[in-house]
Amino acid sequence: MTLAPTLTTLDALKAGQSATVIHLAPSQGHGGDGADVSRRLMELGFVPGERIRMLKRGLPGGPVAVKVGQSTFALRRFEAALVSIQPE
């Protein structure tokens, strides 16, 4: 019996853990067009199949630092919550 891979969102990933991006959801209720936030994340490299690593988590509810390729980005928690991932 094979277990299905566990999916979660980037905001739940622990510091030091790596994961693969599975899907980006549109933003709801954070002002502006929700598609704009998802499009910005994709432009930064958060695309399905991309490997990412959580570098640092701020205070509860604060930003997170994430490495994508050779770049490091700070994301607000609600942005990180839009990125569905499969932890490694």
Protein backbone atom coordinates (compact mmCIF):
# COMPACT_ATOMS: atom_id res chain seq x y z
CA MET A 1 0.00 0.00 0.00
CA THR A 2 1.38 3.38 -1.04
CA LEU A 3 0.52 6.44 1.00
CA ALA A 4 -0.44 9.64 -0.81
CA PRO A 5 2.10 12.45 -0.45
CA THR A 6 1.36 14.88 2.36
CA LEU A 7 0.54 18.37 1.12
CA THR A 8 0.63 21.47 3.25
CA THR A 9 1.25 25.17 2.71
CA LEU A 10 4.52 27.06 2.84
CA ASP A 11 3.55 29.01 5.97
CA ALA A 12 3.57 25.71 7.93
CA LEU A 13 7.07 24.60 6.84
CA LYS A 14 9.67 24.54 9.61
CA ALA A 15 12.97 26.43 9.41
CA GLY A 16 15.60 24.32 7.65
CA GLN A 17 13.05 22.15 5.82
CA SER A 18 12.86 21.83 2.05
CA ALA A 19 9.81 21.21 -0.10
CA THR A 20 8.54 21.18 -3.67
CA VAL A 21 5.94 23.69 -4.87
CA ILE A 22 2.74 21.93 -5.98
CA HIS A 23 0.21 24.71 -6.58
CA LEU A 24 -0.48 28.42 -6.01
CA ALA A 25 -3.93 29.52 -4.87
CA PRO A 26 -5.42 32.94 -5.63
CA SER A 27 -5.45 35.40 -2.71
CA GLN A 28 -8.72 36.27 -1.03
CA GLY A 29 -9.45 39.35 1.09
CA HIS A 30 -6.03 41.03 1.24
CA GLY A 31 -6.82 44.02 -0.94
CA GLY A 32 -6.25 44.38 -4.64
CA ASP A 33 -6.67 41.57 -7.13
CA GLY A 34 -5.91 38.15 -5.66
CA ALA A 35 -4.47 37.02 -8.98
CA ASP A 36 -1.81 39.76 -8.63
CA VAL A 37 -0.32 38.14 -5.50
CA SER A 38 -0.23 34.69 -7.11
CA ARG A 39 1.26 36.12 -10.31
CA ARG A 40 3.94 37.96 -8.29
CA LEU A 41 4.84 34.74 -6.47
CA MET A 42 5.13 32.89 -9.78
CA GLU A 43 7.35 35.66 -11.18
CA LEU A 44 9.61 35.26 -8.13
CA GLY A 45 10.00 31.54 -8.90
CA PHE A 46 7.29 29.90 -6.81
CA VAL A 47 6.14 27.64 -9.64
CA PRO A 48 4.95 24.01 -9.54
CA GLY A 49 7.90 21.61 -9.42
CA GLU A 50 10.35 24.16 -7.97
CA ARG A 51 12.32 23.15 -4.88
CA ILE A 52 12.28 25.66 -2.03
CA ARG A 53 13.81 25.87 1.45
CA MET A 54 12.51 27.66 4.56
CA LEU A 55 15.43 29.64 5.93
CA LYS A 56 13.88 31.48 8.86
CA ARG A 57 10.52 32.06 10.48
CA GLY A 58 9.84 35.38 12.20
CA LEU A 59 7.62 35.95 15.18
CA PRO A 60 4.23 34.20 15.09
CA GLY A 61 2.27 35.87 12.32
CA GLY A 62 5.40 37.62 11.02
CA PRO A 63 7.26 37.16 7.74
CA VAL A 64 9.23 34.10 6.65
CA ALA A 65 12.50 33.92 4.68
CA VAL A 66 12.45 31.40 1.83
CA LYS A 67 15.14 30.37 -0.66
CA VAL A 68 14.05 29.69 -4.24
CA GLY A 69 16.88 28.75 -6.58
CA GLN A 70 19.72 31.15 -5.78
CA SER A 71 17.43 33.90 -4.45
CA THR A 72 16.07 34.58 -0.97
CA PHE A 73 12.70 36.24 -0.40
CA ALA A 74 10.76 37.48 2.61
CA LEU A 75 7.08 36.62 2.36
CA ARG A 76 4.18 37.72 4.49
CA ARG A 77 2.39 34.81 6.12
CA PHE A 78 -0.74 35.18 4.01
CA GLU A 79 1.43 35.02 0.86
CA ALA A 80 3.20 31.88 2.10
CA ALA A 81 -0.21 30.33 2.83
CA LEU A 82 -1.05 30.54 -0.89
CA VAL A 83 1.78 28.15 -1.83
CA SER A 84 0.83 24.46 -1.58
CA ILE A 85 3.92 22.32 -1.05
CA GLN A 86 5.04 18.75 -0.57
CA PRO A 87 7.68 18.65 2.21
CA GLU A 88 10.76 16.51 1.63
